[in-house]
Amino acid sequence: MADPTESTEKMEIARRLVEGEYITLRLYVAGTSHHSARAVELVKRMCADCLPGRYRLDIVDLYLEPSLAQRDQIVALPTLIKTSPLPTARVVGDMSDRNRVLAGLGIVVE
C-alpha cells in the first residue's frame, strides 16, 4: 500500500516544478577524490543554506556511470548543472565561491 505522505510530497514537488519554485541540479564528479568530495560537500551545503525545501540534487559519479557524461556533454569535473527550471545552466570547476556558483546557474536567493 502506498504511503499517502509520499504521494502528497511528490505532488508538492510537481507543483513547485511547474511554478518554477523547485530547482533540479545534477553534480558530476569523479570518484571519491579530495576534489570530488569537496565539491559534493560545498554544493550540498549551498543547497541546504540557500534553497531549503526548494531543490533536488542528483550526484553522478562518472567512474560508476561513464555513459552519462555524453548526455550532458561533460568535459571537465566537477560540473554542476541546473536542469530545471529552464534555461539550463552549468558551472564547471571550483564550487567554493557560493555567489559565483549561484550566479552562474541563474539562481536568485531571496
Protein backbone atom coordinates (compact mmCIF):
# COMPACT_ATOMS: atom_id res chain seq x y z
CA MET A 1 0.00 0.00 0.00
CA ALA A 2 1.36 3.43 -0.98
CA ASP A 3 2.27 5.93 1.71
CA PRO A 4 -0.12 8.93 1.37
CA THR A 5 2.57 11.25 2.75
CA GLU A 6 4.93 10.24 -0.06
CA SER A 7 2.23 10.89 -2.66
CA THR A 8 1.49 14.32 -1.20
CA GLU A 9 5.20 15.12 -1.19
CA LYS A 10 5.53 14.13 -4.87
CA MET A 11 2.53 16.29 -5.77
CA GLU A 12 4.08 19.26 -3.96
CA ILE A 13 7.35 18.80 -5.83
CA ALA A 14 5.46 18.59 -9.13
CA ARG A 15 3.56 21.79 -8.31
CA ARG A 16 6.77 23.60 -7.43
CA LEU A 17 8.42 22.42 -10.65
CA VAL A 18 5.50 23.73 -12.70
CA GLU A 19 5.57 27.05 -10.86
CA GLY A 20 9.35 27.35 -11.20
CA GLU A 21 9.93 27.29 -7.45
CA TYR A 22 11.76 23.95 -7.37
CA ILE A 23 15.31 23.71 -8.68
CA THR A 24 16.77 20.48 -10.00
CA LEU A 25 20.56 20.18 -10.00
CA ARG A 26 22.96 17.49 -11.18
CA LEU A 27 26.55 17.40 -9.91
CA TYR A 28 29.07 15.38 -11.89
CA VAL A 29 32.16 14.18 -10.01
CA ALA A 30 34.85 11.53 -10.47
CA GLY A 31 35.09 9.01 -7.68
CA THR A 32 35.95 9.86 -4.10
CA SER A 33 38.93 12.09 -4.73
CA HIS A 34 39.51 15.08 -2.45
CA HIS A 35 38.25 17.45 -5.18
CA SER A 36 35.08 15.42 -5.76
CA ALA A 37 34.31 15.05 -2.06
CA ARG A 38 34.84 18.79 -1.52
CA ALA A 39 32.55 19.68 -4.45
CA VAL A 40 29.81 17.41 -3.07
CA GLU A 41 30.16 18.91 0.40
CA LEU A 42 30.12 22.51 -0.87
CA VAL A 43 27.14 22.03 -3.18
CA LYS A 44 25.12 20.18 -0.54
CA ARG A 45 25.83 22.95 1.97
CA MET A 46 24.94 25.67 -0.55
CA CYS A 47 21.64 23.97 -1.36
CA ALA A 48 20.74 23.44 2.29
CA ASP A 49 21.57 27.04 3.20
CA CYS A 50 20.24 28.88 0.14
CA LEU A 51 17.48 26.64 -1.22
CA PRO A 52 15.93 24.81 1.75
CA GLY A 53 13.00 22.71 0.60
CA ARG A 54 13.33 24.04 -2.96
CA TYR A 55 15.83 21.72 -4.61
CA ARG A 56 16.68 18.25 -5.75
CA LEU A 57 20.35 17.36 -6.09
CA ASP A 58 21.49 14.32 -8.04
CA ILE A 59 25.15 13.37 -7.72
CA VAL A 60 26.62 11.43 -10.62
CA ASP A 61 29.95 9.64 -10.20
CA LEU A 62 31.35 9.26 -13.70
CA TYR A 63 33.60 6.43 -12.55
CA LEU A 64 30.44 4.44 -11.86
CA GLU A 65 28.32 5.80 -14.73
CA PRO A 66 30.67 6.98 -17.51
CA SER A 67 27.97 6.84 -20.20
CA LEU A 68 26.13 9.74 -18.53
CA ALA A 69 28.96 12.15 -19.42
CA GLN A 70 27.87 12.19 -23.05
CA ARG A 71 24.23 13.01 -22.19
CA ASP A 72 25.16 16.35 -20.63
CA GLN A 73 28.36 16.86 -22.65
CA ILE A 74 30.64 16.81 -19.62
CA VAL A 75 34.22 17.75 -20.49
CA ALA A 76 35.60 18.78 -17.06
CA LEU A 77 34.89 17.93 -13.45
CA PRO A 78 33.30 18.83 -11.19
CA THR A 79 30.36 20.17 -13.21
CA LEU A 80 27.09 21.37 -11.67
CA ILE A 81 24.10 21.66 -13.99
CA LYS A 82 20.73 23.28 -13.29
CA THR A 83 18.27 21.22 -15.32
CA SER A 84 15.09 22.94 -14.20
CA PRO A 85 13.56 25.37 -14.32
CA LEU A 86 14.71 26.33 -17.79
CA PRO A 87 17.00 27.64 -19.10
CA THR A 88 19.61 25.09 -18.16
CA ALA A 89 22.90 26.42 -16.85
CA ARG A 90 26.20 24.97 -15.71
CA VAL A 91 29.17 25.79 -13.54
CA VAL A 92 32.47 23.97 -14.04
CA GLY A 93 35.36 23.71 -11.61
CA ASP A 94 35.73 25.17 -8.15
CA MET A 95 32.45 25.29 -6.20
CA SER A 96 33.84 27.22 -3.21
CA ASP A 97 32.57 30.66 -4.27
CA ARG A 98 28.86 30.29 -3.47
CA ASN A 99 27.88 33.61 -5.08
CA ARG A 100 29.68 32.70 -8.33
CA VAL A 101 28.01 29.29 -8.41
CA LEU A 102 24.51 30.71 -7.79
CA ALA A 103 25.03 33.48 -10.35
CA GLY A 104 26.40 31.02 -12.90
CA LEU A 105 23.28 28.90 -12.51
CA GLY A 106 21.00 31.92 -12.69
CA ILE A 107 19.62 31.26 -9.21
CA VAL A 108 18.42 34.25 -7.24
CA VAL A 109 18.23 33.70 -3.49
CA GLU A 110 15.66 35.76 -1.65
